[in-house]
Every structure is written in structure tokens, then in C-alpha cells.
PDB file of N, CA and C in Angstrom:
ATOM      1  N   UNK A   1     -19.739  10.722  -2.169  1.00  0.00           N
ATOM      2  CA  UNK A   1     -19.297   9.708  -3.104  1.00  0.00           C
ATOM      3  C   UNK A   1     -20.447   8.715  -3.285  1.00  0.00           C
ATOM      4  N   UNK A   2     -20.787   8.424  -4.523  1.00  0.00           N
ATOM      5  CA  UNK A   2     -21.868   7.475  -4.755  1.00  0.00           C
ATOM      6  C   UNK A   2     -21.371   6.044  -4.548  1.00  0.00           C
ATOM      7  N   UNK A   3     -22.312   5.109  -4.499  1.00  0.00           N
ATOM      8  CA  UNK A   3     -21.932   3.733  -4.149  1.00  0.00           C
ATOM      9  C   UNK A   3     -21.057   3.075  -5.209  1.00  0.00           C
ATOM     10  N   UNK A   4     -21.236   3.415  -6.478  1.00  0.00           N
ATOM     11  CA  UNK A   4     -20.396   2.797  -7.511  1.00  0.00           C
ATOM     12  C   UNK A   4     -18.945   3.254  -7.374  1.00  0.00           C
ATOM     13  N   UNK A   5     -18.746   4.503  -7.005  1.00  0.00           N
ATOM     14  CA  UNK A   5     -17.376   4.994  -6.790  1.00  0.00           C
ATOM     15  C   UNK A   5     -16.767   4.361  -5.554  1.00  0.00           C
ATOM     16  N   UNK A   6     -17.584   4.156  -4.525  1.00  0.00           N
ATOM     17  CA  UNK A   6     -17.106   3.490  -3.325  1.00  0.00           C
ATOM     18  C   UNK A   6     -16.719   2.046  -3.644  1.00  0.00           C
ATOM     19  N   UNK A   7     -17.537   1.379  -4.454  1.00  0.00           N
ATOM     20  CA  UNK A   7     -17.241   0.004  -4.865  1.00  0.00           C
ATOM     21  C   UNK A   7     -15.948  -0.042  -5.668  1.00  0.00           C
ATOM     22  N   UNK A   8     -15.773   0.917  -6.573  1.00  0.00           N
ATOM     23  CA  UNK A   8     -14.547   0.984  -7.371  1.00  0.00           C
ATOM     24  C   UNK A   8     -13.328   1.193  -6.466  1.00  0.00           C
ATOM     25  N   UNK A   9     -13.458   2.072  -5.477  1.00  0.00           N
ATOM     26  CA  UNK A   9     -12.354   2.341  -4.556  1.00  0.00           C
ATOM     27  C   UNK A   9     -12.018   1.092  -3.750  1.00  0.00           C
ATOM     28  N   UNK A  10     -13.035   0.376  -3.304  1.00  0.00           N
ATOM     29  CA  UNK A  10     -12.810  -0.850  -2.545  1.00  0.00           C
ATOM     30  C   UNK A  10     -12.136  -1.918  -3.413  1.00  0.00           C
ATOM     31  N   UNK A  11     -12.590  -2.055  -4.635  1.00  0.00           N
ATOM     32  CA  UNK A  11     -11.996  -3.024  -5.562  1.00  0.00           C
ATOM     33  C   UNK A  11     -10.533  -2.682  -5.828  1.00  0.00           C
ATOM     34  N   UNK A  12     -10.251  -1.418  -6.012  1.00  0.00           N
ATOM     35  CA  UNK A  12      -8.877  -0.973  -6.249  1.00  0.00           C
ATOM     36  C   UNK A  12      -7.999  -1.326  -5.053  1.00  0.00           C
ATOM     37  N   UNK A  13      -8.509  -1.098  -3.841  1.00  0.00           N
ATOM     38  CA  UNK A  13      -7.744  -1.440  -2.643  1.00  0.00           C
ATOM     39  C   UNK A  13      -7.475  -2.934  -2.579  1.00  0.00           C
ATOM     40  N   UNK A  14      -8.452  -3.741  -2.934  1.00  0.00           N
ATOM     41  CA  UNK A  14      -8.281  -5.192  -2.895  1.00  0.00           C
ATOM     42  C   UNK A  14      -7.252  -5.653  -3.927  1.00  0.00           C
ATOM     43  N   UNK A  15      -7.225  -5.000  -5.067  1.00  0.00           N
ATOM     44  CA  UNK A  15      -6.255  -5.341  -6.100  1.00  0.00           C
ATOM     45  C   UNK A  15      -4.853  -4.902  -5.676  1.00  0.00           C
ATOM     46  N   UNK A  16      -4.752  -3.754  -5.016  1.00  0.00           N
ATOM     47  CA  UNK A  16      -3.456  -3.213  -4.626  1.00  0.00           C
ATOM     48  C   UNK A  16      -2.847  -3.939  -3.434  1.00  0.00           C
ATOM     49  N   UNK A  17      -3.656  -4.522  -2.583  1.00  0.00           N
ATOM     50  CA  UNK A  17      -3.151  -5.115  -1.353  1.00  0.00           C
ATOM     51  C   UNK A  17      -2.048  -6.148  -1.584  1.00  0.00           C
ATOM     52  N   UNK A  18      -2.232  -7.126  -2.472  1.00  0.00           N
ATOM     53  CA  UNK A  18      -1.139  -8.096  -2.680  1.00  0.00           C
ATOM     54  C   UNK A  18       0.156  -7.431  -3.169  1.00  0.00           C
ATOM     55  N   UNK A  19       0.019  -6.448  -4.026  1.00  0.00           N
ATOM     56  CA  UNK A  19       1.197  -5.734  -4.531  1.00  0.00           C
ATOM     57  C   UNK A  19       1.858  -4.950  -3.404  1.00  0.00           C
ATOM     58  N   UNK A  20       1.061  -4.304  -2.591  1.00  0.00           N
ATOM     59  CA  UNK A  20       1.577  -3.553  -1.451  1.00  0.00           C
ATOM     60  C   UNK A  20       2.337  -4.483  -0.505  1.00  0.00           C
ATOM     61  N   UNK A  21       1.769  -5.622  -0.202  1.00  0.00           N
ATOM     62  CA  UNK A  21       2.424  -6.578   0.687  1.00  0.00           C
ATOM     63  C   UNK A  21       3.727  -7.103   0.075  1.00  0.00           C
ATOM     64  N   UNK A  22       3.733  -7.312  -1.225  1.00  0.00           N
ATOM     65  CA  UNK A  22       4.940  -7.778  -1.907  1.00  0.00           C
ATOM     66  C   UNK A  22       6.056  -6.732  -1.789  1.00  0.00           C
ATOM     67  N   UNK A  23       5.718  -5.479  -1.987  1.00  0.00           N
ATOM     68  CA  UNK A  23       6.712  -4.401  -1.911  1.00  0.00           C
ATOM     69  C   UNK A  23       7.249  -4.269  -0.489  1.00  0.00           C
ATOM     70  N   UNK A  24       6.367  -4.318   0.486  1.00  0.00           N
ATOM     71  CA  UNK A  24       6.791  -4.192   1.881  1.00  0.00           C
ATOM     72  C   UNK A  24       7.690  -5.358   2.275  1.00  0.00           C
ATOM     73  N   UNK A  25       7.332  -6.569   1.848  1.00  0.00           N
ATOM     74  CA  UNK A  25       8.161  -7.744   2.128  1.00  0.00           C
ATOM     75  C   UNK A  25       9.543  -7.570   1.519  1.00  0.00           C
ATOM     76  N   UNK A  26       9.588  -7.054   0.299  1.00  0.00           N
ATOM     77  CA  UNK A  26      10.870  -6.801  -0.358  1.00  0.00           C
ATOM     78  C   UNK A  26      11.725  -5.854   0.487  1.00  0.00           C
ATOM     79  N   UNK A  27      11.111  -4.774   0.974  1.00  0.00           N
ATOM     80  CA  UNK A  27      11.880  -3.808   1.749  1.00  0.00           C
ATOM     81  C   UNK A  27      12.375  -4.407   3.060  1.00  0.00           C
ATOM     82  N   UNK A  28      11.590  -5.267   3.684  1.00  0.00           N
ATOM     83  CA  UNK A  28      12.061  -5.939   4.903  1.00  0.00           C
ATOM     84  C   UNK A  28      13.254  -6.840   4.596  1.00  0.00           C
ATOM     85  N   UNK A  29      13.265  -7.471   3.440  1.00  0.00           N
ATOM     86  CA  UNK A  29      14.397  -8.316   3.057  1.00  0.00           C
ATOM     87  C   UNK A  29      15.600  -7.475   2.651  1.00  0.00           C
ATOM     88  N   UNK A  30      15.335  -6.367   1.983  1.00  0.00           N
ATOM     89  CA  UNK A  30      16.400  -5.490   1.507  1.00  0.00           C
ATOM     90  C   UNK A  30      17.054  -4.741   2.668  1.00  0.00           C
ATOM     91  N   UNK A  31      16.248  -4.335   3.634  1.00  0.00           N
ATOM     92  CA  UNK A  31      16.738  -3.577   4.786  1.00  0.00           C
ATOM     93  C   UNK A  31      16.208  -4.212   6.074  1.00  0.00           C
ATOM     94  N   UNK A  32      16.821  -5.312   6.511  1.00  0.00           N
ATOM     95  CA  UNK A  32      16.324  -6.020   7.691  1.00  0.00           C
ATOM     96  C   UNK A  32      16.349  -5.170   8.961  1.00  0.00           C
ATOM     97  N   UNK A  33      17.138  -4.120   8.979  1.00  0.00           N
ATOM     98  CA  UNK A  33      17.192  -3.258  10.163  1.00  0.00           C
ATOM     99  C   UNK A  33      16.078  -2.211  10.168  1.00  0.00           C
ATOM    100  N   UNK A  34      15.183  -2.298   9.204  1.00  0.00           N
ATOM    101  CA  UNK A  34      14.073  -1.355   9.102  1.00  0.00           C
ATOM    102  C   UNK A  34      13.266  -1.379  10.400  1.00  0.00           C
ATOM    103  N   UNK A  35      13.145  -0.247  11.031  1.00  0.00           N
ATOM    104  CA  UNK A  35      12.420  -0.151  12.295  1.00  0.00           C
ATOM    105  C   UNK A  35      10.916  -0.066  12.065  1.00  0.00           C
ATOM    106  N   UNK A  36      10.176  -0.233  13.135  1.00  0.00           N
ATOM    107  CA  UNK A  36       8.713  -0.205  13.058  1.00  0.00           C
ATOM    108  C   UNK A  36       8.210   1.153  12.550  1.00  0.00           C
ATOM    109  N   UNK A  37       8.810   2.213  13.034  1.00  0.00           N
ATOM    110  CA  UNK A  37       8.392   3.562  12.628  1.00  0.00           C
ATOM    111  C   UNK A  37       8.661   3.790  11.138  1.00  0.00           C
ATOM    112  N   UNK A  38       9.838   3.383  10.692  1.00  0.00           N
ATOM    113  CA  UNK A  38      10.184   3.537   9.281  1.00  0.00           C
ATOM    114  C   UNK A  38       9.290   2.676   8.404  1.00  0.00           C
ATOM    115  N   UNK A  39       8.990   1.472   8.865  1.00  0.00           N
ATOM    116  CA  UNK A  39       8.130   0.565   8.101  1.00  0.00           C
ATOM    117  C   UNK A  39       6.728   1.156   7.948  1.00  0.00           C
ATOM    118  N   UNK A  40       6.201   1.733   9.007  1.00  0.00           N
ATOM    119  CA  UNK A  40       4.870   2.347   8.932  1.00  0.00           C
ATOM    120  C   UNK A  40       4.865   3.529   7.971  1.00  0.00           C
ATOM    121  N   UNK A  41       5.919   4.337   8.031  1.00  0.00           N
ATOM    122  CA  UNK A  41       6.011   5.476   7.111  1.00  0.00           C
ATOM    123  C   UNK A  41       6.126   5.001   5.664  1.00  0.00           C
ATOM    124  N   UNK A  42       6.907   3.962   5.444  1.00  0.00           N
ATOM    125  CA  UNK A  42       7.043   3.388   4.109  1.00  0.00           C
ATOM    126  C   UNK A  42       5.692   2.901   3.594  1.00  0.00           C
ATOM    127  N   UNK A  43       4.940   2.203   4.426  1.00  0.00           N
ATOM    128  CA  UNK A  43       3.606   1.723   4.046  1.00  0.00           C
ATOM    129  C   UNK A  43       2.710   2.890   3.650  1.00  0.00           C
ATOM    130  N   UNK A  44       2.757   3.960   4.453  1.00  0.00           N
ATOM    131  CA  UNK A  44       1.923   5.129   4.156  1.00  0.00           C
ATOM    132  C   UNK A  44       2.282   5.751   2.809  1.00  0.00           C
ATOM    133  N   UNK A  45       3.577   5.885   2.551  1.00  0.00           N
ATOM    134  CA  UNK A  45       4.033   6.495   1.302  1.00  0.00           C
ATOM    135  C   UNK A  45       3.633   5.624   0.104  1.00  0.00           C
ATOM    136  N   UNK A  46       3.789   4.318   0.253  1.00  0.00           N
ATOM    137  CA  UNK A  46       3.417   3.416  -0.839  1.00  0.00           C
ATOM    138  C   UNK A  46       1.916   3.478  -1.096  1.00  0.00           C
ATOM    139  N   UNK A  47       1.125   3.489  -0.031  1.00  0.00           N
ATOM    140  CA  UNK A  47      -0.327   3.573  -0.192  1.00  0.00           C
ATOM    141  C   UNK A  47      -0.735   4.891  -0.850  1.00  0.00           C
ATOM    142  N   UNK A  48      -0.102   5.992  -0.463  1.00  0.00           N
ATOM    143  CA  UNK A  48      -0.404   7.282  -1.080  1.00  0.00           C
ATOM    144  C   UNK A  48      -0.061   7.252  -2.560  1.00  0.00           C
ATOM    145  N   UNK A  49       1.056   6.643  -2.894  1.00  0.00           N
ATOM    146  CA  UNK A  49       1.463   6.547  -4.302  1.00  0.00           C
ATOM    147  C   UNK A  49       0.461   5.740  -5.098  1.00  0.00           C
ATOM    148  N   UNK A  50       0.038   4.593  -4.552  1.00  0.00           N
ATOM    149  CA  UNK A  50      -0.969   3.773  -5.226  1.00  0.00           C
ATOM    150  C   UNK A  50      -2.275   4.557  -5.387  1.00  0.00           C
ATOM    151  N   UNK A  51      -2.664   5.287  -4.361  1.00  0.00           N
ATOM    152  CA  UNK A  51      -3.916   6.042  -4.408  1.00  0.00           C
ATOM    153  C   UNK A  51      -3.874   7.110  -5.504  1.00  0.00           C
ATOM    154  N   UNK A  52      -2.734   7.737  -5.688  1.00  0.00           N
ATOM    155  CA  UNK A  52      -2.594   8.761  -6.730  1.00  0.00           C
ATOM    156  C   UNK A  52      -2.682   8.152  -8.131  1.00  0.00           C
ATOM    157  N   UNK A  53      -2.222   6.911  -8.251  1.00  0.00           N
ATOM    158  CA  UNK A  53      -2.219   6.260  -9.557  1.00  0.00           C
ATOM    159  C   UNK A  53      -3.563   5.623  -9.895  1.00  0.00           C
ATOM    160  N   UNK A  54      -4.393   5.417  -8.887  1.00  0.00           N
ATOM    161  CA  UNK A  54      -5.687   4.742  -9.104  1.00  0.00           C
ATOM    162  C   UNK A  54      -6.722   5.657  -9.690  1.00  0.00           C
TER     163      UNK A  54
END
């Protein structure tokens, strides 16, 4: 991967982070009984979804 693509990937991650945190916070409020394992899996799935759309 060349440096411009790496820079683009890093920028995309920085843009997605606030949105990712907002979604995760929503799920913690929506499902307060969400366990640590489920929360980690949810984060992974959301990140994969964002990565596919980027």
C-alpha cells in the first residue's frame, strides 16, 4: 500500500471514530445488560461494516 492510500485509510478511521463511538454509546443505552463480550463483537461488526463502505 502506498503512503497516500495509508493516509486516506487513516483519515477515514479518524472520521469514522466519532460515529462509531456514538453508535456504541447508543447500544449501551438501548441494551444496558450488554456484556463485555457482546460489546466487543458489536464493535468489530460495526468497524467491519464501516471498512466495507469506505
